[in-house]
Amino acid sequence: VGHVAINSPQPGEEVARLWREESGDDDSHIGVLARLF
């Protein structure tokens, strides 16, 4: 009845770019929550 996933940031992904700019984190410290239904 439900699903959720975590992906590594992909090139051009806006949400990861926004967080990198705000936090200074690099992609190795970011997970993108996706596919929640």
PDB file of all heavy atoms in Angstrom:
ATOM      1  N   VAL A   1       0.813  -1.220   0.000  1.00  0.00           N
ATOM      2  CA  VAL A   1       0.000   0.000   0.000  1.00  0.00           C
ATOM      3  C   VAL A   1       0.847   1.272   0.000  1.00  0.00           C
ATOM      4  O   VAL A   1       0.309   2.375   0.043  1.00  0.00           O
ATOM      5  CB  VAL A   1      -0.983   0.020   1.187  1.00  0.00           C
ATOM      6  CG1 VAL A   1      -2.023  -1.087   1.051  1.00  0.00           C
ATOM      7  CG2 VAL A   1      -0.238  -0.077   2.510  1.00  0.00           C
ATOM      8  N   GLY A   2       2.187   1.115  -0.027  1.00  0.00           N
ATOM      9  CA  GLY A   2       3.023   2.300  -0.042  1.00  0.00           C
ATOM     10  C   GLY A   2       4.451   1.972  -0.408  1.00  0.00           C
ATOM     11  O   GLY A   2       4.870   0.809  -0.364  1.00  0.00           O
ATOM     12  N   HIS A   3       5.187   3.003  -0.764  1.00  0.00           N
ATOM     13  CA  HIS A   3       6.582   2.856  -1.185  1.00  0.00           C
ATOM     14  C   HIS A   3       7.297   4.182  -0.962  1.00  0.00           C
ATOM     15  O   HIS A   3       6.699   5.249  -1.101  1.00  0.00           O
ATOM     16  CB  HIS A   3       6.612   2.504  -2.679  1.00  0.00           C
ATOM     17  CG  HIS A   3       7.996   2.392  -3.251  1.00  0.00           C
ATOM     18  ND1 HIS A   3       8.680   3.467  -3.768  1.00  0.00           N
ATOM     19  CD2 HIS A   3       8.804   1.329  -3.394  1.00  0.00           C
ATOM     20  CE1 HIS A   3       9.866   3.063  -4.202  1.00  0.00           C
ATOM     21  NE2 HIS A   3       9.957   1.763  -3.996  1.00  0.00           N
ATOM     22  N   VAL A   4       8.574   4.098  -0.602  1.00  0.00           N
ATOM     23  CA  VAL A   4       9.429   5.281  -0.543  1.00  0.00           C
ATOM     24  C   VAL A   4      10.850   4.835  -0.860  1.00  0.00           C
ATOM     25  O   VAL A   4      11.215   3.678  -0.615  1.00  0.00           O
ATOM     26  CB  VAL A   4       9.357   5.997   0.824  1.00  0.00           C
ATOM     27  CG1 VAL A   4      10.027   5.193   1.932  1.00  0.00           C
ATOM     28  CG2 VAL A   4       9.944   7.398   0.743  1.00  0.00           C
ATOM     29  N   ALA A   5      11.636   5.741  -1.411  1.00  0.00           N
ATOM     30  CA  ALA A   5      13.018   5.432  -1.769  1.00  0.00           C
ATOM     31  C   ALA A   5      13.921   6.599  -1.419  1.00  0.00           C
ATOM     32  O   ALA A   5      13.456   7.739  -1.272  1.00  0.00           O
ATOM     33  CB  ALA A   5      13.120   5.140  -3.265  1.00  0.00           C
ATOM     34  N   ILE A   6      15.201   6.304  -1.291  1.00  0.00           N
ATOM     35  CA  ILE A   6      16.228   7.333  -1.154  1.00  0.00           C
ATOM     36  C   ILE A   6      17.208   7.126  -2.299  1.00  0.00           C
ATOM     37  O   ILE A   6      17.698   6.015  -2.517  1.00  0.00           O
ATOM     38  CB  ILE A   6      16.968   7.245   0.191  1.00  0.00           C
ATOM     39  CG1 ILE A   6      16.008   7.470   1.356  1.00  0.00           C
ATOM     40  CG2 ILE A   6      18.120   8.265   0.231  1.00  0.00           C
ATOM     41  CD1 ILE A   6      16.650   7.291   2.723  1.00  0.00           C
ATOM     42  N   ASN A   7      17.472   8.199  -3.019  1.00  0.00           N
ATOM     43  CA  ASN A   7      18.411   8.190  -4.132  1.00  0.00           C
ATOM     44  C   ASN A   7      19.583   9.099  -3.827  1.00  0.00           C
ATOM     45  O   ASN A   7      19.462  10.044  -3.034  1.00  0.00           O
ATOM     46  CB  ASN A   7      17.733   8.711  -5.406  1.00  0.00           C
ATOM     47  CG  ASN A   7      16.533   7.902  -5.808  1.00  0.00           C
ATOM     48  OD1 ASN A   7      16.490   6.690  -5.612  1.00  0.00           O
ATOM     49  ND2 ASN A   7      15.538   8.565  -6.374  1.00  0.00           N
ATOM     50  N   SER A   8      20.693   8.845  -4.480  1.00  0.00           N
ATOM     51  CA  SER A   8      21.783   9.810  -4.446  1.00  0.00           C
ATOM     52  C   SER A   8      21.394  10.960  -5.376  1.00  0.00           C
ATOM     53  O   SER A   8      20.619  10.763  -6.318  1.00  0.00           O
ATOM     54  CB  SER A   8      23.091   9.158  -4.883  1.00  0.00           C
ATOM     55  OG  SER A   8      22.967   8.613  -6.170  1.00  0.00           O
ATOM     56  N   PRO A   9      21.891  12.161  -5.107  1.00  0.00           N
ATOM     57  CA  PRO A   9      21.557  13.290  -5.992  1.00  0.00           C
ATOM     58  C   PRO A   9      22.030  13.032  -7.419  1.00  0.00           C
ATOM     59  O   PRO A   9      23.110  12.485  -7.634  1.00  0.00           O
ATOM     60  CB  PRO A   9      22.325  14.464  -5.371  1.00  0.00           C
ATOM     61  CG  PRO A   9      22.559  14.058  -3.952  1.00  0.00           C
ATOM     62  CD  PRO A   9      22.720  12.570  -3.974  1.00  0.00           C
ATOM     63  N   GLN A  10      21.202  13.426  -8.371  1.00  0.00           N
ATOM     64  CA  GLN A  10      21.520  13.249  -9.787  1.00  0.00           C
ATOM     65  C   GLN A  10      21.855  14.606 -10.404  1.00  0.00           C
ATOM     66  O   GLN A  10      21.379  15.641  -9.935  1.00  0.00           O
ATOM     67  CB  GLN A  10      20.330  12.604 -10.507  1.00  0.00           C
ATOM     68  CG  GLN A  10      19.979  11.219  -9.990  1.00  0.00           C
ATOM     69  CD  GLN A  10      21.129  10.243 -10.126  1.00  0.00           C
ATOM     70  OE1 GLN A  10      21.607   9.987 -11.223  1.00  0.00           O
ATOM     71  NE2 GLN A  10      21.606   9.705  -9.005  1.00  0.00           N
ATOM     72  N   PRO A  11      22.661  14.623 -11.472  1.00  0.00           N
ATOM     73  CA  PRO A  11      23.007  15.892 -12.122  1.00  0.00           C
ATOM     74  C   PRO A  11      21.753  16.677 -12.505  1.00  0.00           C
ATOM     75  O   PRO A  11      20.785  16.114 -13.006  1.00  0.00           O
ATOM     76  CB  PRO A  11      23.775  15.443 -13.376  1.00  0.00           C
ATOM     77  CG  PRO A  11      24.315  14.091 -13.017  1.00  0.00           C
ATOM     78  CD  PRO A  11      23.280  13.465 -12.123  1.00  0.00           C
ATOM     79  N   GLY A  12      21.769  17.959 -12.204  1.00  0.00           N
ATOM     80  CA  GLY A  12      20.658  18.832 -12.565  1.00  0.00           C
ATOM     81  C   GLY A  12      19.474  18.801 -11.611  1.00  0.00           C
ATOM     82  O   GLY A  12      18.477  19.474 -11.855  1.00  0.00           O
ATOM     83  N   GLU A  13      19.578  18.054 -10.521  1.00  0.00           N
ATOM     84  CA  GLU A  13      18.464  17.951  -9.577  1.00  0.00           C
ATOM     85  C   GLU A  13      18.390  19.228  -8.731  1.00  0.00           C
ATOM     86  O   GLU A  13      19.288  19.525  -7.954  1.00  0.00           O
ATOM     87  CB  GLU A  13      18.663  16.721  -8.698  1.00  0.00           C
ATOM     88  CG  GLU A  13      17.414  16.228  -8.055  1.00  0.00           C
ATOM     89  CD  GLU A  13      17.541  14.770  -7.659  1.00  0.00           C
ATOM     90  OE1 GLU A  13      18.656  14.271  -7.436  1.00  0.00           O
ATOM     91  OE2 GLU A  13      16.483  14.131  -7.592  1.00  0.00           O
ATOM     92  N   GLU A  14      17.317  19.971  -8.916  1.00  0.00           N
ATOM     93  CA  GLU A  14      17.173  21.292  -8.312  1.00  0.00           C
ATOM     94  C   GLU A  14      17.214  21.249  -6.785  1.00  0.00           C
ATOM     95  O   GLU A  14      17.860  22.081  -6.150  1.00  0.00           O
ATOM     96  CB  GLU A  14      15.884  21.952  -8.808  1.00  0.00           C
ATOM     97  CG  GLU A  14      15.662  23.357  -8.305  1.00  0.00           C
ATOM     98  CD  GLU A  14      16.672  24.375  -8.832  1.00  0.00           C
ATOM     99  OE1 GLU A  14      17.486  24.045  -9.713  1.00  0.00           O
ATOM    100  OE2 GLU A  14      16.651  25.510  -8.343  1.00  0.00           O
ATOM    101  N   VAL A  15      16.524  20.315  -6.163  1.00  0.00           N
ATOM    102  CA  VAL A  15      16.464  20.279  -4.702  1.00  0.00           C
ATOM    103  C   VAL A  15      17.853  20.047  -4.109  1.00  0.00           C
ATOM    104  O   VAL A  15      18.210  20.653  -3.100  1.00  0.00           O
ATOM    105  CB  VAL A  15      15.431  19.242  -4.190  1.00  0.00           C
ATOM    106  CG1 VAL A  15      15.864  17.810  -4.492  1.00  0.00           C
ATOM    107  CG2 VAL A  15      15.160  19.431  -2.708  1.00  0.00           C
ATOM    108  N   ALA A  16      18.659  19.203  -4.725  1.00  0.00           N
ATOM    109  CA  ALA A  16      20.021  18.969  -4.232  1.00  0.00           C
ATOM    110  C   ALA A  16      20.866  20.229  -4.409  1.00  0.00           C
ATOM    111  O   ALA A  16      21.653  20.592  -3.526  1.00  0.00           O
ATOM    112  CB  ALA A  16      20.646  17.781  -4.943  1.00  0.00           C
ATOM    113  N   ARG A  17      20.695  20.905  -5.533  1.00  0.00           N
ATOM    114  CA  ARG A  17      21.436  22.151  -5.762  1.00  0.00           C
ATOM    115  C   ARG A  17      21.084  23.190  -4.705  1.00  0.00           C
ATOM    116  O   ARG A  17      21.968  23.828  -4.128  1.00  0.00           O
ATOM    117  CB  ARG A  17      21.142  22.710  -7.158  1.00  0.00           C
ATOM    118  CG  ARG A  17      21.953  23.997  -7.462  1.00  0.00           C
ATOM    119  CD  ARG A  17      21.427  24.737  -8.682  1.00  0.00           C
ATOM    120  NE  ARG A  17      20.088  25.263  -8.501  1.00  0.00           N
ATOM    121  CZ  ARG A  17      19.788  26.355  -7.772  1.00  0.00           C
ATOM    122  NH1 ARG A  17      20.728  27.017  -7.131  1.00  0.00           N
ATOM    123  NH2 ARG A  17      18.541  26.757  -7.670  1.00  0.00           N
ATOM    124  N   LEU A  18      19.795  23.347  -4.427  1.00  0.00           N
ATOM    125  CA  LEU A  18      19.371  24.313  -3.412  1.00  0.00           C
ATOM    126  C   LEU A  18      19.994  24.000  -2.054  1.00  0.00           C
ATOM    127  O   LEU A  18      20.468  24.897  -1.360  1.00  0.00           O
ATOM    128  CB  LEU A  18      17.841  24.315  -3.286  1.00  0.00           C
ATOM    129  CG  LEU A  18      17.057  24.986  -4.398  1.00  0.00           C
ATOM    130  CD1 LEU A  18      15.567  24.664  -4.261  1.00  0.00           C
ATOM    131  CD2 LEU A  18      17.286  26.486  -4.389  1.00  0.00           C
ATOM    132  N   TRP A  19      19.988  22.715  -1.677  1.00  0.00           N
ATOM    133  CA  TRP A  19      20.536  22.356  -0.367  1.00  0.00           C
ATOM    134  C   TRP A  19      22.052  22.518  -0.334  1.00  0.00           C
ATOM    135  O   TRP A  19      22.609  22.963   0.665  1.00  0.00           O
ATOM    136  CB  TRP A  19      20.113  20.956   0.051  1.00  0.00           C
ATOM    137  CG  TRP A  19      20.597  20.669   1.433  1.00  0.00           C
ATOM    138  CD1 TRP A  19      21.498  19.720   1.808  1.00  0.00           C
ATOM    139  CD2 TRP A  19      20.253  21.367   2.622  1.00  0.00           C
ATOM    140  NE1 TRP A  19      21.731  19.786   3.163  1.00  0.00           N
ATOM    141  CE2 TRP A  19      20.976  20.798   3.680  1.00  0.00           C
ATOM    142  CE3 TRP A  19      19.405  22.445   2.893  1.00  0.00           C
ATOM    143  CZ2 TRP A  19      20.877  21.250   4.999  1.00  0.00           C
ATOM    144  CZ3 TRP A  19      19.305  22.889   4.209  1.00  0.00           C
ATOM    145  CH2 TRP A  19      20.035  22.310   5.241  1.00  0.00           C
ATOM    146  N   ARG A  20      22.744  22.173  -1.411  1.00  0.00           N
ATOM    147  CA  ARG A  20      24.199  22.384  -1.463  1.00  0.00           C
ATOM    148  C   ARG A  20      24.528  23.851  -1.247  1.00  0.00           C
ATOM    149  O   ARG A  20      25.433  24.192  -0.478  1.00  0.00           O
ATOM    150  CB  ARG A  20      24.782  21.925  -2.805  1.00  0.00           C
ATOM    151  CG  ARG A  20      25.007  20.435  -2.927  1.00  0.00           C
ATOM    152  CD  ARG A  20      25.841  20.084  -4.155  1.00  0.00           C
ATOM    153  NE  ARG A  20      25.290  20.599  -5.401  1.00  0.00           N
ATOM    154  CZ  ARG A  20      24.406  19.956  -6.161  1.00  0.00           C
ATOM    155  NH1 ARG A  20      23.960  18.765  -5.817  1.00  0.00           N
ATOM    156  NH2 ARG A  20      23.962  20.493  -7.280  1.00  0.00           N
ATOM    157  N   GLU A  21      23.776  24.734  -1.919  1.00  0.00           N
ATOM    158  CA  GLU A  21      24.025  26.170  -1.792  1.00  0.00           C
ATOM    159  C   GLU A  21      23.737  26.666  -0.381  1.00  0.00           C
ATOM    160  O   GLU A  21      24.463  27.501   0.146  1.00  0.00           O
ATOM    161  CB  GLU A  21      23.188  26.950  -2.798  1.00  0.00           C
ATOM    162  CG  GLU A  21      23.689  26.816  -4.216  1.00  0.00           C
ATOM    163  CD  GLU A  21      22.840  27.573  -5.219  1.00  0.00           C
ATOM    164  OE1 GLU A  21      21.876  28.260  -4.819  1.00  0.00           O
ATOM    165  OE2 GLU A  21      23.151  27.471  -6.431  1.00  0.00           O
ATOM    166  N   GLU A  22      22.666  26.180   0.223  1.00  0.00           N
ATOM    167  CA  GLU A  22      22.282  26.649   1.562  1.00  0.00           C
ATOM    168  C   GLU A  22      23.191  26.089   2.651  1.00  0.00           C
ATOM    169  O   GLU A  22      23.539  26.790   3.599  1.00  0.00           O
ATOM    170  CB  GLU A  22      20.826  26.269   1.855  1.00  0.00           C
ATOM    171  CG  GLU A  22      20.338  26.821   3.179  1.00  0.00           C
ATOM    172  CD  GLU A  22      18.844  26.667   3.361  1.00  0.00           C
ATOM    173  OE1 GLU A  22      18.095  26.896   2.397  1.00  0.00           O
ATOM    174  OE2 GLU A  22      18.434  26.335   4.482  1.00  0.00           O
ATOM    175  N   SER A  23      23.582  24.830   2.524  1.00  0.00           N
ATOM    176  CA  SER A  23      24.281  24.150   3.617  1.00  0.00           C
ATOM    177  C   SER A  23      25.787  24.023   3.434  1.00  0.00           C
ATOM    178  O   SER A  23      26.517  23.852   4.414  1.00  0.00           O
ATOM    179  CB  SER A  23      23.725  22.731   3.758  1.00  0.00           C
ATOM    180  OG  SER A  23      24.091  21.952   2.620  1.00  0.00           O
ATOM    181  N   GLY A  24      26.243  24.036   2.192  1.00  0.00           N
ATOM    182  CA  GLY A  24      27.649  23.760   1.935  1.00  0.00           C
ATOM    183  C   GLY A  24      27.958  22.271   1.888  1.00  0.00           C
ATOM    184  O   GLY A  24      29.102  21.871   1.674  1.00  0.00           O
ATOM    185  N   ASP A  25      26.937  21.411   2.097  1.00  0.00           N
ATOM    186  CA  ASP A  25      27.132  19.962   1.995  1.00  0.00           C
ATOM    187  C   ASP A  25      27.484  19.587   0.569  1.00  0.00           C
ATOM    188  O   ASP A  25      27.095  20.277  -0.379  1.00  0.00           O
ATOM    189  CB  ASP A  25      25.849  19.204   2.371  1.00  0.00           C
ATOM    190  CG  ASP A  25      25.637  19.085   3.867  1.00  0.00           C
ATOM    191  OD1 ASP A  25      26.567  19.380   4.638  1.00  0.00           O
ATOM    192  OD2 ASP A  25      24.519  18.692   4.261  1.00  0.00           O
ATOM    193  N   ASP A  26      28.202  18.469   0.414  1.00  0.00           N
ATOM    194  CA  ASP A  26      28.407  17.941  -0.929  1.00  0.00           C
ATOM    195  C   ASP A  26      27.469  16.742  -1.117  1.00  0.00           C
ATOM    196  O   ASP A  26      26.809  16.301  -0.174  1.00  0.00           O
ATOM    197  CB  ASP A  26      29.875  17.590  -1.195  1.00  0.00           C
ATOM    198  CG  ASP A  26      30.394  16.488  -0.295  1.00  0.00           C
ATOM    199  OD1 ASP A  26      29.616  15.617   0.152  1.00  0.00           O
ATOM    200  OD2 ASP A  26      31.607  16.476  -0.031  1.00  0.00           O
ATOM    201  N   ASP A  27      27.430  16.223  -2.330  1.00  0.00           N
ATOM    202  CA  ASP A  27      26.471  15.166  -2.652  1.00  0.00           C
ATOM    203  C   ASP A  27      26.644  13.914  -1.803  1.00  0.00           C
ATOM    204  O   ASP A  27      25.690  13.166  -1.609  1.00  0.00           O
ATOM    205  CB  ASP A  27      26.546  14.804  -4.131  1.00  0.00           C
ATOM    206  CG  ASP A  27      25.865  15.828  -5.020  1.00  0.00           C
ATOM    207  OD1 ASP A  27      25.206  16.749  -4.490  1.00  0.00           O
ATOM    208  OD2 ASP A  27      25.983  15.704  -6.259  1.00  0.00           O
ATOM    209  N   SER A  28      27.836  13.676  -1.264  1.00  0.00           N
ATOM    210  CA  SER A  28      28.044  12.473  -0.450  1.00  0.00           C
ATOM    211  C   SER A  28      27.303  12.545   0.883  1.00  0.00           C
ATOM    212  O   SER A  28      27.164  11.534   1.563  1.00  0.00           O
ATOM    213  CB  SER A  28      29.536  12.231  -0.206  1.00  0.00           C
ATOM    214  OG  SER A  28      30.070  13.241   0.638  1.00  0.00           O
ATOM    215  N   HIS A  29      26.797  13.728   1.244  1.00  0.00           N
ATOM    216  CA  HIS A  29      26.055  13.898   2.498  1.00  0.00           C
ATOM    217  C   HIS A  29      24.582  14.221   2.270  1.00  0.00           C
ATOM    218  O   HIS A  29      23.881  14.638   3.188  1.00  0.00           O
ATOM    219  CB  HIS A  29      26.702  15.000   3.343  1.00  0.00           C
ATOM    220  CG  HIS A  29      28.057  14.610   3.830  1.00  0.00           C
ATOM    221  ND1 HIS A  29      29.208  15.021   3.214  1.00  0.00           N
ATOM    222  CD2 HIS A  29      28.430  13.804   4.851  1.00  0.00           C
ATOM    223  CE1 HIS A  29      30.239  14.507   3.850  1.00  0.00           C
ATOM    224  NE2 HIS A  29      29.803  13.763   4.847  1.00  0.00           N
ATOM    225  N   ILE A  30      24.118  14.048   1.025  1.00  0.00           N
ATOM    226  CA  ILE A  30      22.728  14.363   0.682  1.00  0.00           C
ATOM    227  C   ILE A  30      22.044  13.114   0.141  1.00  0.00           C
ATOM    228  O   ILE A  30      22.604  12.392  -0.674  1.00  0.00           O
ATOM    229  CB  ILE A  30      22.662  15.477  -0.387  1.00  0.00           C
ATOM    230  CG1 ILE A  30      23.312  16.760   0.137  1.00  0.00           C
ATOM    231  CG2 ILE A  30      21.208  15.740  -0.803  1.00  0.00           C
ATOM    232  CD1 ILE A  30      23.480  17.839  -0.926  1.00  0.00           C
ATOM    233  N   GLY A  31      20.830  12.871   0.612  1.00  0.00           N
ATOM    234  CA  GLY A  31      19.975  11.830   0.065  1.00  0.00           C
ATOM    235  C   GLY A  31      18.691  12.470  -0.427  1.00  0.00           C
ATOM    236  O   GLY A  31      18.174  13.384   0.215  1.00  0.00           O
ATOM    237  N   VAL A  32      18.196  12.014  -1.551  1.00  0.00           N
ATOM    238  CA  VAL A  32      16.964  12.570  -2.113  1.00  0.00           C
ATOM    239  C   VAL A  32      15.835  11.573  -1.868  1.00  0.00           C
ATOM    240  O   VAL A  32      15.849  10.464  -2.387  1.00  0.00           O
ATOM    241  CB  VAL A  32      17.112  12.858  -3.620  1.00  0.00           C
ATOM    242  CG1 VAL A  32      15.812  13.440  -4.172  1.00  0.00           C
ATOM    243  CG2 VAL A  32      18.286  13.811  -3.869  1.00  0.00           C
ATOM    244  N   LEU A  33      14.897  11.980  -1.028  1.00  0.00           N
ATOM    245  CA  LEU A  33      13.731  11.145  -0.752  1.00  0.00           C
ATOM    246  C   LEU A  33      12.825  11.205  -1.978  1.00  0.00           C
ATOM    247  O   LEU A  33      12.537  12.291  -2.480  1.00  0.00           O
ATOM    248  CB  LEU A  33      12.990  11.635   0.483  1.00  0.00           C
ATOM    249  CG  LEU A  33      11.934  10.640   0.940  1.00  0.00           C
ATOM    250  CD1 LEU A  33      12.257  10.146   2.336  1.00  0.00           C
ATOM    251  CD2 LEU A  33      10.575  11.259   0.899  1.00  0.00           C
ATOM    252  N   ALA A  34      12.410  10.046  -2.459  1.00  0.00           N
ATOM    253  CA  ALA A  34      11.658  10.007  -3.711  1.00  0.00           C
ATOM    254  C   ALA A  34      10.649   8.867  -3.692  1.00  0.00           C
ATOM    255  O   ALA A  34      10.716   7.973  -2.860  1.00  0.00           O
ATOM    256  CB  ALA A  34      12.626   9.816  -4.883  1.00  0.00           C
ATOM    257  N   ARG A  35       9.760   8.923  -4.634  1.00  0.00           N
ATOM    258  CA  ARG A  35       8.824   7.837  -4.901  1.00  0.00           C
ATOM    259  C   ARG A  35       7.889   7.536  -3.733  1.00  0.00           C
ATOM    260  O   ARG A  35       7.411   6.422  -3.612  1.00  0.00           O
ATOM    261  CB  ARG A  35       9.544   6.545  -5.302  1.00  0.00           C
ATOM    262  CG  ARG A  35      10.603   6.668  -6.367  1.00  0.00           C
ATOM    263  CD  ARG A  35      10.007   7.137  -7.687  1.00  0.00           C
ATOM    264  NE  ARG A  35      10.917   6.942  -8.786  1.00  0.00           N
ATOM    265  CZ  ARG A  35      11.643   7.920  -9.346  1.00  0.00           C
ATOM    266  NH1 ARG A  35      11.563   9.143  -8.877  1.00  0.00           N
ATOM    267  NH2 ARG A  35      12.419   7.658 -10.362  1.00  0.00           N
ATOM    268  N   LEU A  36       7.654   8.523  -2.861  1.00  0.00           N
ATOM    269  CA  LEU A  36       6.707   8.266  -1.769  1.00  0.00           C
ATOM    270  C   LEU A  36       5.303   8.221  -2.352  1.00  0.00           C
ATOM    271  O   LEU A  36       4.855   9.167  -2.986  1.00  0.00           O
ATOM    272  CB  LEU A  36       6.778   9.349  -0.695  1.00  0.00           C
ATOM    273  CG  LEU A  36       5.743   9.195   0.420  1.00  0.00           C
ATOM    274  CD1 LEU A  36       5.978   7.927   1.228  1.00  0.00           C
ATOM    275  CD2 LEU A  36       5.738  10.411   1.328  1.00  0.00           C
ATOM    276  N   PHE A  37       4.659   7.093  -2.171  1.00  0.00           N
ATOM    277  CA  PHE A  37       3.238   7.032  -2.490  1.00  0.00           C
ATOM    278  C   PHE A  37       2.563   6.104  -1.501  1.00  0.00           C
ATOM    279  O   PHE A  37       3.166   5.179  -0.964  1.00  0.00           O
ATOM    280  CB  PHE A  37       2.967   6.613  -3.946  1.00  0.00           C
ATOM    281  CG  PHE A  37       3.312   5.189  -4.279  1.00  0.00           C
ATOM    282  CD1 PHE A  37       2.423   4.153  -4.031  1.00  0.00           C
ATOM    283  CD2 PHE A  37       4.522   4.882  -4.858  1.00  0.00           C
ATOM    284  CE1 PHE A  37       2.734   2.841  -4.357  1.00  0.00           C
ATOM    285  CE2 PHE A  37       4.840   3.568  -5.189  1.00  0.00           C
ATOM    286  CZ  PHE A  37       3.944   2.548  -4.932  1.00  0.00           C
TER     287      PHE A  37
END
